């Protein structure tokens, strides 16, 4: 006799198998990511038809199988009908679901990730349909929180080279800060340019960042004979600047952990750039592209053309 177990989960991916079944990938509170067959769910009169759809939250009774588990009972707890009626909202939801699928674990409780995803899906669904650009803001907000829960939060408060705090300068329209994906966050462009110039001058460019930074923080001289000691400096390449942010864009990034940032999204034009930066950063650390992002680009490019 098959062993059964109960769980609550949200459907994140479906795939047709056989003549009338679906294979559903589900994020559950109790067991993390599971894959289970919804038998007969593609038949028009199946009780599992609607319950096996995308972003449906069910209380499930599942029978363990040799290769694949099987859903034997499903009771719907929550749905997100508003996502399917708006292409932008649906694309943003699929985008977040794809990121969750990359970072969720199997056979381990994932309650925090489960609650976080449902929270952001609810926020996106509740957005007014006449404010499509707000979807980008809420998408970026959700992506930032997913990165945070995975321990991948980018450094946006300080320079990754020097550790000095970065404060956006709204009085200077030309002010910018760099963002380096491989380095993990923001870089002061003034310091970066200075190190680049000094590195090019020093021994034909062979002098590294480590020695340049150390030279400005040399220890006080001592009287003891230190001729027997030798300092070994390892060469470090300058970080690649992936993109440049102005004061508004950096300010948004620095406040993404605070819920208050979402109260004035209409006043901030920088959300599109912030989403692009976080997307590239996430793809780098996840090691794969976010395919749903193409839908976001297509939808909002069309919307922009229609409103210009």
Protein backbone atom coordinates (compact mmCIF):
# COMPACT_ATOMS: atom_id res chain seq x y z
CA UNK A 1 0.00 0.00 0.00
CA UNK A 2 1.34 3.40 -0.95
CA UNK A 3 2.39 5.77 1.77
CA UNK A 4 0.57 9.12 1.71
CA UNK A 5 1.38 12.52 3.13
CA UNK A 6 -0.36 15.87 3.50
CA UNK A 7 1.07 19.24 2.55
CA UNK A 8 0.11 22.76 1.48
CA UNK A 9 1.71 24.17 -1.64
CA UNK A 10 1.54 26.53 -4.59
CA UNK A 11 1.84 25.32 -8.18
CA UNK A 12 4.83 26.87 -9.96
CA UNK A 13 5.16 24.77 -13.09
CA UNK A 14 2.98 22.35 -15.04
CA UNK A 15 3.82 19.92 -17.82
CA UNK A 16 1.54 17.65 -19.84
CA UNK A 17 2.37 13.94 -19.58
CA UNK A 18 0.57 10.93 -20.92
CA UNK A 19 -2.83 11.28 -22.52
CA UNK A 20 -4.58 13.31 -19.82
CA UNK A 21 -2.20 13.89 -16.87
CA UNK A 22 -0.10 16.81 -15.70
CA UNK A 23 3.20 16.83 -13.89
CA UNK A 24 3.05 19.68 -11.37
CA UNK A 25 6.03 21.27 -9.62
CA UNK A 26 4.85 22.57 -6.26
CA UNK A 27 6.51 24.72 -3.60
CA UNK A 28 5.29 23.42 -0.24
CA UNK A 29 5.71 24.71 3.27
CA UNK A 30 6.56 21.35 4.80
CA UNK A 31 8.66 19.54 2.17
CA UNK A 32 10.04 22.24 -0.09
CA UNK A 33 9.91 21.61 -3.81
CA UNK A 34 8.04 18.48 -4.92
CA UNK A 35 6.92 17.08 -8.27
CA UNK A 36 3.69 15.12 -8.44
CA UNK A 37 1.35 13.79 -11.10
CA UNK A 38 -2.19 15.18 -11.22
CA UNK A 39 -3.94 12.18 -12.87
CA UNK A 40 -6.60 12.99 -15.43
CA UNK A 41 -6.29 16.73 -14.78
CA UNK A 42 -6.39 17.57 -18.50
CA UNK A 43 -9.85 16.05 -18.90
CA UNK A 44 -12.59 18.68 -19.09
CA UNK A 45 -14.54 17.20 -16.15
CA UNK A 46 -11.58 16.49 -13.87
CA UNK A 47 -11.76 17.73 -10.28
CA UNK A 48 -7.98 18.31 -10.46
CA UNK A 49 -8.18 20.41 -13.63
CA UNK A 50 -8.39 23.86 -12.06
CA UNK A 51 -6.51 22.79 -8.95
CA UNK A 52 -3.43 21.88 -11.00
CA UNK A 53 -3.21 25.30 -12.67
CA UNK A 54 -0.47 27.86 -12.19
CA UNK A 55 -0.34 29.80 -8.90
CA UNK A 56 -3.12 27.78 -7.27
CA UNK A 57 -2.57 27.06 -3.57
CA UNK A 58 -3.91 23.69 -2.43
CA UNK A 59 -4.05 21.50 0.61
CA UNK A 60 -2.88 18.22 -0.86
CA UNK A 61 -2.99 14.52 -0.08
CA UNK A 62 -0.19 12.85 -2.03
CA UNK A 63 0.68 9.21 -2.47
CA UNK A 64 4.37 8.39 -2.73
CA UNK A 65 5.36 6.45 -5.81
CA UNK A 66 8.47 4.66 -6.97
CA UNK A 67 9.45 7.36 -9.45
CA UNK A 68 6.78 10.06 -9.18
CA UNK A 69 4.33 10.95 -6.42
CA UNK A 70 0.64 11.22 -7.24
CA UNK A 71 -1.93 13.76 -6.08
CA UNK A 72 -4.94 11.87 -4.74
CA UNK A 73 -6.85 14.80 -3.22
CA UNK A 74 -6.63 18.58 -3.54
CA UNK A 75 -8.55 21.31 -1.75
CA UNK A 76 -7.98 24.82 -3.07
CA UNK A 77 -7.02 27.36 -0.41
CA UNK A 78 -6.17 30.39 -2.54
CA UNK A 79 -5.99 31.48 -6.17
CA UNK A 80 -4.68 34.56 -7.96
CA UNK A 81 -7.23 35.18 -10.73
CA UNK A 82 -6.07 38.78 -11.20
CA UNK A 83 -2.69 37.62 -12.51
CA UNK A 84 -4.16 35.86 -15.54
CA UNK A 85 -6.16 38.91 -16.64
CA UNK A 86 -3.11 41.15 -17.11
CA UNK A 87 -0.12 40.15 -19.22
CA UNK A 88 2.32 42.31 -17.27
CA UNK A 89 1.24 40.87 -13.92
CA UNK A 90 1.35 37.33 -15.27
CA UNK A 91 4.84 37.83 -16.72
CA UNK A 92 6.12 39.28 -13.44
CA UNK A 93 4.63 36.37 -11.49
CA UNK A 94 6.21 33.79 -13.80
CA UNK A 95 9.51 35.66 -13.46
CA UNK A 96 9.42 35.39 -9.64
CA UNK A 97 8.29 31.76 -9.83
CA UNK A 98 11.26 30.95 -12.07
CA UNK A 99 13.68 32.46 -9.56
CA UNK A 100 12.03 30.49 -6.74
CA UNK A 101 12.37 27.26 -8.73
CA UNK A 102 16.11 27.94 -9.02
CA UNK A 103 16.66 28.45 -5.30
CA UNK A 104 14.07 26.22 -3.57
CA UNK A 105 15.26 23.00 -1.96
CA UNK A 106 13.58 19.60 -1.96
CA UNK A 107 12.83 17.48 1.11
CA UNK A 108 13.35 20.46 3.40
CA UNK A 109 10.82 22.89 4.90
CA UNK A 110 10.62 26.09 2.85
CA UNK A 111 8.06 28.04 4.85
CA UNK A 112 9.82 31.41 4.64
CA UNK A 113 10.26 31.16 0.86
CA UNK A 114 6.66 29.94 0.47
CA UNK A 115 5.25 32.86 2.47
CA UNK A 116 7.46 35.40 0.71
CA UNK A 117 6.39 34.29 -2.76
CA UNK A 118 2.69 34.36 -1.85
CA UNK A 119 3.11 37.80 -0.32
CA UNK A 120 4.62 39.27 -3.48
CA UNK A 121 2.12 37.54 -5.77
CA UNK A 122 -0.68 39.12 -3.73
CA UNK A 123 0.92 42.55 -4.03
CA UNK A 124 1.32 42.24 -7.79
CA UNK A 125 -2.26 41.01 -8.24
CA UNK A 126 -3.65 43.97 -6.27
CA UNK A 127 -1.91 46.59 -8.43
CA UNK A 128 -4.25 48.86 -10.43
CA UNK A 129 -4.38 47.83 -14.10
CA UNK A 130 -4.00 51.46 -15.23
CA UNK A 131 -0.49 51.63 -13.69
CA UNK A 132 1.45 48.98 -15.65
CA UNK A 133 4.83 50.54 -14.84
CA UNK A 134 4.18 49.79 -11.16
CA UNK A 135 4.55 46.10 -12.00
CA UNK A 136 8.26 46.66 -12.64
CA UNK A 137 8.68 48.27 -9.22
CA UNK A 138 6.95 45.40 -7.43
CA UNK A 139 8.85 42.86 -9.50
CA UNK A 140 12.19 44.44 -8.52
CA UNK A 141 11.08 44.56 -4.89
CA UNK A 142 10.15 40.87 -4.94
CA UNK A 143 13.37 39.87 -6.70
CA UNK A 144 15.45 41.76 -4.12
CA UNK A 145 13.70 39.90 -1.28
CA UNK A 146 14.23 36.54 -2.98
CA UNK A 147 17.93 37.32 -3.34
CA UNK A 148 18.06 38.33 0.31
CA UNK A 149 16.44 35.11 1.52
CA UNK A 150 19.00 33.15 -0.52
CA UNK A 151 21.87 35.09 1.08
CA UNK A 152 22.71 36.85 -2.19
CA UNK A 153 21.92 40.45 -1.30
CA UNK A 154 24.17 42.80 -3.30
CA UNK A 155 26.28 45.35 -1.47
CA UNK A 156 24.63 48.70 -2.16
CA UNK A 157 25.37 50.74 0.95
CA UNK A 158 29.15 50.94 0.58
CA UNK A 159 31.89 50.73 -2.03
CA UNK A 160 33.08 47.17 -2.58
CA UNK A 161 36.65 48.44 -3.09
CA UNK A 162 37.13 50.67 -0.08
CA UNK A 163 34.19 49.94 2.24
CA UNK A 164 33.32 53.64 2.38
CA UNK A 165 29.63 54.54 2.67
CA UNK A 166 28.00 55.72 -0.56
CA UNK A 167 25.56 58.63 -0.31
CA UNK A 168 23.60 59.59 -3.45
CA UNK A 169 24.28 63.18 -4.51
CA UNK A 170 20.97 64.55 -5.83
CA UNK A 171 22.48 68.04 -6.32
CA UNK A 172 24.81 66.85 -9.08
CA UNK A 173 22.97 65.65 -12.23
CA UNK A 174 26.16 63.97 -13.46
CA UNK A 175 26.80 62.00 -10.26
CA UNK A 176 27.10 58.25 -10.80
CA UNK A 177 28.19 55.10 -9.01
CA UNK A 178 29.29 51.86 -10.60
CA UNK A 179 27.78 48.43 -10.07
CA UNK A 180 30.00 45.38 -10.53
CA UNK A 181 28.17 42.06 -10.74
CA UNK A 182 31.27 39.83 -10.27
CA UNK A 183 32.43 41.95 -7.31
CA UNK A 184 29.00 41.84 -5.70
CA UNK A 185 27.75 45.39 -5.61
CA UNK A 186 28.44 49.10 -5.85
CA UNK A 187 31.79 50.67 -6.64
CA UNK A 188 32.84 54.30 -6.19
CA UNK A 189 33.72 55.42 -9.71
CA UNK A 190 36.15 58.07 -8.49
CA UNK A 191 38.19 55.43 -6.65
CA UNK A 192 37.85 52.98 -9.54
CA UNK A 193 39.13 55.53 -12.08
CA UNK A 194 42.02 56.56 -9.82
CA UNK A 195 43.10 52.95 -9.30
CA UNK A 196 42.85 52.29 -13.02
CA UNK A 197 45.05 55.28 -13.85
CA UNK A 198 47.61 54.46 -11.16
CA UNK A 199 47.64 50.83 -12.20
CA UNK A 200 48.36 51.79 -15.80
CA UNK A 201 51.23 54.06 -14.71
CA UNK A 202 52.73 51.65 -12.21
CA UNK A 203 55.13 49.25 -13.94
CA UNK A 204 53.21 49.26 -17.18
CA UNK A 205 49.99 48.25 -15.52
CA UNK A 206 51.47 45.38 -13.50
CA UNK A 207 50.86 47.01 -10.17
CA UNK A 208 47.69 45.65 -8.59
CA UNK A 209 44.80 47.11 -6.64
CA UNK A 210 45.94 45.51 -3.42
CA UNK A 211 49.26 47.37 -3.46
CA UNK A 212 47.65 50.65 -4.51
CA UNK A 213 45.15 50.60 -1.67
CA UNK A 214 47.81 49.48 0.77
CA UNK A 215 50.13 52.32 -0.29
CA UNK A 216 47.63 54.88 0.95
CA UNK A 217 47.42 53.13 4.31
CA UNK A 218 51.11 52.39 4.96
CA UNK A 219 51.95 51.52 8.59
CA UNK A 220 54.19 53.89 10.57
CA UNK A 221 57.91 53.34 10.20
CA UNK A 222 59.71 51.37 12.90
CA UNK A 223 63.36 51.50 13.98
CA UNK A 224 63.88 47.76 14.06
CA UNK A 225 65.75 46.19 11.19
CA UNK A 226 63.16 44.61 8.91
CA UNK A 227 65.47 43.81 6.03
CA UNK A 228 64.85 40.09 6.57
CA UNK A 229 61.14 40.51 5.92
CA UNK A 230 59.60 40.63 2.48
CA UNK A 231 56.11 41.84 1.65
CA UNK A 232 54.32 39.71 -0.90
CA UNK A 233 51.54 41.48 -2.80
CA UNK A 234 49.06 39.45 -4.83
CA UNK A 235 47.85 41.12 -7.99
CA UNK A 236 44.13 41.84 -8.15
CA UNK A 237 42.34 42.95 -11.28
CA UNK A 238 40.11 46.00 -11.31
CA UNK A 239 36.45 44.97 -11.07
CA UNK A 240 34.38 45.11 -14.22
CA UNK A 241 31.76 47.85 -14.09
CA UNK A 242 28.57 46.17 -15.28
CA UNK A 243 26.43 49.31 -15.20
CA UNK A 244 26.30 52.84 -13.84
CA UNK A 245 23.59 54.25 -11.60
CA UNK A 246 22.55 57.81 -10.93
CA UNK A 247 21.50 59.11 -7.50
CA UNK A 248 17.85 58.08 -7.84
CA UNK A 249 18.67 54.53 -8.94
CA UNK A 250 21.18 54.01 -6.12
CA UNK A 251 18.70 55.44 -3.62
CA UNK A 252 16.08 52.90 -4.71
CA UNK A 253 18.55 50.03 -4.37
CA UNK A 254 19.58 51.19 -0.91
CA UNK A 255 15.97 51.33 0.28
CA UNK A 256 14.63 48.08 -1.19
CA UNK A 257 14.79 46.38 2.20
CA UNK A 258 12.42 49.03 3.61
CA UNK A 259 8.67 48.73 2.85
CA UNK A 260 8.33 52.53 2.70
CA UNK A 261 10.07 52.59 -0.68
CA UNK A 262 6.92 51.22 -2.32
CA UNK A 263 4.77 54.16 -1.22
CA UNK A 264 6.21 56.61 -3.77
CA UNK A 265 6.93 54.41 -6.75
CA UNK A 266 5.28 56.86 -9.17
CA UNK A 267 7.84 59.52 -8.22
CA UNK A 268 10.84 57.36 -9.06
CA UNK A 269 11.80 56.84 -12.70
CA UNK A 270 14.69 54.49 -11.88
CA UNK A 271 12.77 51.23 -11.39
CA UNK A 272 13.43 49.93 -14.90
CA UNK A 273 17.19 50.30 -14.44
CA UNK A 274 17.03 48.75 -10.96
CA UNK A 275 15.16 45.70 -12.27
CA UNK A 276 17.71 45.27 -15.07
CA UNK A 277 20.60 45.40 -12.60
CA UNK A 278 18.99 42.93 -10.20
CA UNK A 279 18.09 40.64 -13.10
CA UNK A 280 21.67 40.50 -14.36
CA UNK A 281 22.93 40.02 -10.82
CA UNK A 282 20.46 37.18 -10.16
CA UNK A 283 21.28 35.45 -13.45
CA UNK A 284 24.99 35.61 -12.66
CA UNK A 285 24.55 33.98 -9.23
CA UNK A 286 21.88 31.50 -10.30
CA UNK A 287 24.03 30.45 -13.24
CA UNK A 288 21.19 30.57 -15.75
CA UNK A 289 19.04 33.12 -17.61
CA UNK A 290 15.60 34.10 -16.38
CA UNK A 291 13.60 33.15 -19.46
CA UNK A 292 10.39 34.85 -18.28
CA UNK A 293 12.23 38.18 -18.35
CA UNK A 294 11.79 38.23 -22.13
CA UNK A 295 8.03 38.54 -21.59
CA UNK A 296 8.59 41.50 -19.30
CA UNK A 297 10.78 43.24 -21.88
CA UNK A 298 8.31 42.58 -24.69
CA UNK A 299 5.26 43.70 -22.72
CA UNK A 300 6.71 46.93 -21.42
CA UNK A 301 8.36 47.81 -24.73
CA UNK A 302 4.93 47.53 -26.34
CA UNK A 303 3.33 49.55 -23.59
CA UNK A 304 5.98 52.26 -23.92
CA UNK A 305 5.47 52.48 -27.70
CA UNK A 306 1.73 52.75 -27.23
CA UNK A 307 1.98 55.64 -24.78
CA UNK A 308 4.64 57.73 -26.53
